[in-house]
Protein backbone atom coordinates (compact mmCIF):
# COMPACT_ATOMS: atom_id res chain seq x y z
CA UNK A 1 77.46 82.60 58.75
CA UNK A 2 73.92 83.77 58.17
CA UNK A 3 74.24 84.79 54.55
CA UNK A 4 76.38 83.79 51.60
CA UNK A 5 76.18 85.98 48.53
CA UNK A 6 76.12 84.23 45.22
CA UNK A 7 78.11 86.04 42.56
CA UNK A 8 80.19 84.87 39.60
CA UNK A 9 83.24 84.28 41.87
CA UNK A 10 81.15 82.08 44.19
CA UNK A 11 79.81 80.08 41.26
CA UNK A 12 83.30 79.68 39.80
CA UNK A 13 84.92 78.64 43.12
CA UNK A 14 82.36 77.93 45.87
CA UNK A 15 85.00 76.54 48.26
CA UNK A 16 87.08 79.78 48.21
CA UNK A 17 83.95 81.89 48.70
CA UNK A 18 82.96 79.81 51.72
CA UNK A 19 86.51 80.00 53.16
CA UNK A 20 86.50 83.81 52.80
CA UNK A 21 83.09 84.05 54.49
CA UNK A 22 84.27 81.82 57.37
CA UNK A 23 87.47 83.84 57.80
CA UNK A 24 85.49 87.07 57.85
CA UNK A 25 83.16 85.67 60.54
CA UNK A 26 86.11 84.41 62.58
CA UNK A 27 87.79 87.84 62.39
CA UNK A 28 84.60 89.53 63.56
CA UNK A 29 84.40 87.10 66.50
CA UNK A 30 88.06 87.68 67.40
CA UNK A 31 87.53 91.44 67.31
CA UNK A 32 84.48 91.15 69.57
CA UNK A 33 86.51 89.09 72.04
CA UNK A 34 89.33 91.66 71.96
CA UNK A 35 86.90 94.52 72.59
CA UNK A 36 85.44 92.55 75.50
CA UNK A 37 89.02 92.18 76.76
CA UNK A 38 89.24 96.00 76.76
CA UNK A 39 86.30 96.07 79.17
CA UNK A 40 88.00 93.43 81.34
CA UNK A 41 91.23 95.49 81.44
CA UNK A 42 89.25 98.55 82.55
CA UNK A 43 87.33 96.60 85.21
CA UNK A 44 90.48 94.94 86.52
CA UNK A 45 92.22 98.30 86.93
CA UNK A 46 89.19 99.64 88.80
CA UNK A 47 89.20 96.68 91.20
CA UNK A 48 92.93 96.97 91.90
CA UNK A 49 93.06 100.76 92.25
CA UNK A 50 89.64 101.83 93.60
CA UNK A 51 88.40 104.54 93.68
CA UNK A 52 90.28 105.13 90.43
CA UNK A 53 88.67 103.93 87.19
CA UNK A 54 89.79 104.02 83.58
CA UNK A 55 88.29 103.65 80.15
CA UNK A 56 90.09 103.31 76.87
CA UNK A 57 89.39 106.09 74.40
CA UNK A 58 87.95 104.72 71.13
CA UNK A 59 91.21 105.43 69.24
CA UNK A 60 93.27 103.70 71.95
CA UNK A 61 90.94 100.70 71.90
CA UNK A 62 91.06 100.50 68.09
CA UNK A 63 94.86 100.63 68.19
CA UNK A 64 95.13 97.83 70.77
CA UNK A 65 92.64 95.66 68.85
CA UNK A 66 94.60 96.23 65.61
CA UNK A 67 97.90 95.44 67.36
CA UNK A 68 96.44 92.14 68.58
CA UNK A 69 95.31 91.32 65.05
CA UNK A 70 98.93 91.72 63.93
CA UNK A 71 100.24 89.67 66.85
CA UNK A 72 97.71 86.84 67.23
CA UNK A 73 99.90 85.07 69.78
CA UNK A 74 99.37 87.95 72.26
CA UNK A 75 96.17 88.69 74.13
CA UNK A 76 94.84 92.20 74.37
CA UNK A 77 95.17 92.05 78.14
CA UNK A 78 98.80 91.02 77.79
CA UNK A 79 99.49 93.72 75.24
CA UNK A 80 97.76 96.44 77.28
CA UNK A 81 99.44 95.22 80.43
CA UNK A 82 102.87 95.38 78.86
CA UNK A 83 102.41 98.86 77.42
CA UNK A 84 100.41 100.49 80.22
CA UNK A 85 100.49 98.73 83.58
CA UNK A 86 103.68 96.67 84.01
CA UNK A 87 105.69 98.96 86.29
CA UNK A 88 102.84 100.69 88.10
CA UNK A 89 103.74 104.14 86.73
CA UNK A 90 100.25 104.70 85.34
CA UNK A 91 98.53 103.86 88.63
CA UNK A 92 100.98 106.04 90.58
CA UNK A 93 100.47 109.01 88.26
CA UNK A 94 96.68 108.69 88.29
CA UNK A 95 96.74 108.38 92.09
CA UNK A 96 98.78 111.58 92.27
CA UNK A 97 96.26 113.37 90.04
CA UNK A 98 93.45 112.03 92.22
CA UNK A 99 95.19 113.26 95.38
CA UNK A 100 95.58 116.76 93.94
CA UNK A 101 92.24 117.12 92.13
CA UNK A 102 89.82 114.52 93.48
CA UNK A 103 89.29 113.19 89.95
CA UNK A 104 88.57 109.45 89.94
CA UNK A 105 87.88 108.55 86.29
CA UNK A 106 90.46 108.75 83.51
CA UNK A 107 90.05 108.10 79.79
CA UNK A 108 93.26 106.61 78.43
CA UNK A 109 94.06 108.28 75.13
CA UNK A 110 95.90 106.90 72.13
CA UNK A 111 98.80 109.23 73.04
CA UNK A 112 99.03 107.53 76.42
CA UNK A 113 99.08 104.08 74.81
CA UNK A 114 101.76 105.12 72.29
CA UNK A 115 103.99 107.10 74.67
CA UNK A 116 102.90 106.52 78.23
CA UNK A 117 105.76 108.25 80.02
CA UNK A 118 105.64 111.49 78.02
CA UNK A 119 101.84 111.65 78.26
CA UNK A 120 101.87 111.06 82.02
CA UNK A 121 104.52 113.76 82.41
CA UNK A 122 102.32 116.22 80.51
CA UNK A 123 99.32 115.27 82.65
CA UNK A 124 101.28 115.75 85.87
CA UNK A 125 102.84 119.02 84.67
CA UNK A 126 99.34 120.36 83.95
CA UNK A 127 98.22 119.86 87.55
CA UNK A 128 97.53 122.96 89.62
CA UNK A 129 100.40 123.79 91.98
CA UNK A 130 100.28 122.24 95.42
CA UNK A 131 98.93 124.52 98.13
CA UNK A 132 101.83 125.05 100.56
CA UNK A 133 99.40 126.04 103.33
CA UNK A 134 97.47 122.79 103.02
CA UNK A 135 98.80 120.27 105.54
CA UNK A 136 99.72 116.87 104.18
CA UNK A 137 97.98 115.16 107.07
CA UNK A 138 95.07 116.59 108.99
CA UNK A 139 95.67 116.43 112.75
CA UNK A 140 93.08 114.53 114.74
CA UNK A 141 92.28 114.53 118.43
CA UNK A 142 94.23 111.28 118.72
CA UNK A 143 97.30 113.00 117.22
CA UNK A 144 97.02 115.75 119.86
CA UNK A 145 96.74 113.11 122.62
CA UNK A 146 99.84 111.39 121.22
CA UNK A 147 101.72 114.72 121.22
CA UNK A 148 100.80 115.22 124.91
CA UNK A 149 101.97 111.65 125.65
CA UNK A 150 105.25 112.38 123.86
CA UNK A 151 105.73 115.50 126.03
CA UNK A 152 105.06 113.44 129.16
CA UNK A 153 107.60 110.85 127.98
CA UNK A 154 110.18 113.58 127.34
CA UNK A 155 109.66 115.01 130.85
CA UNK A 156 109.98 111.55 132.43
CA UNK A 157 113.19 110.91 130.51
CA UNK A 158 114.63 114.27 131.62
CA UNK A 159 113.70 113.48 135.23
CA UNK A 160 115.41 110.09 134.99
CA UNK A 161 118.56 111.66 133.53
CA UNK A 162 118.61 114.27 136.30
CA UNK A 163 118.20 111.58 138.95
CA UNK A 164 121.04 109.55 137.43
CA UNK A 165 123.30 112.64 137.29
CA UNK A 166 122.56 113.46 140.95
CA UNK A 167 123.21 109.85 141.98
CA UNK A 168 126.54 109.76 140.16
CA UNK A 169 127.58 113.11 141.66
CA UNK A 170 126.64 112.01 145.18
CA UNK A 171 128.51 108.71 144.71
CA UNK A 172 131.59 110.65 143.53
CA UNK A 173 131.39 112.93 146.60
CA UNK A 174 130.98 109.96 148.94
CA UNK A 175 134.13 108.20 147.64
């Protein structure tokens, strides 16, 4: 506490005024820690899912901080993890968007925090259609070499089968 106002309530009950000031300072400290936890959640997601990064929209951050204030036994990271990241659906959806658009940064809205599945569905539905002419995997020179090796293997197998058939036929004729 850096300042304590002196009004008639403080003069009448200095202990209560001091308790209120201490509680207010503690709440401000808790909120600062929770907002720092938001940054840790964002950084952790970025480390686990690079090149994808996220940031919480101000409304989403405010909501999560307020939720933690109402549930002091839960950390912001635990609360955000439970509502956003537990089953990997968010990371999978953002990866899909990245694959289709090349976008790497995503701001997580309050809508996404409140109804993750519906919001992700809307985001995925809004994607441009997949290009049917675009190959899923680009062929490399190594792939072409492997295809030639596969053809050689197929020819060798056919030759071996033919040799076995001829051997069996000649053995049948000989007996």
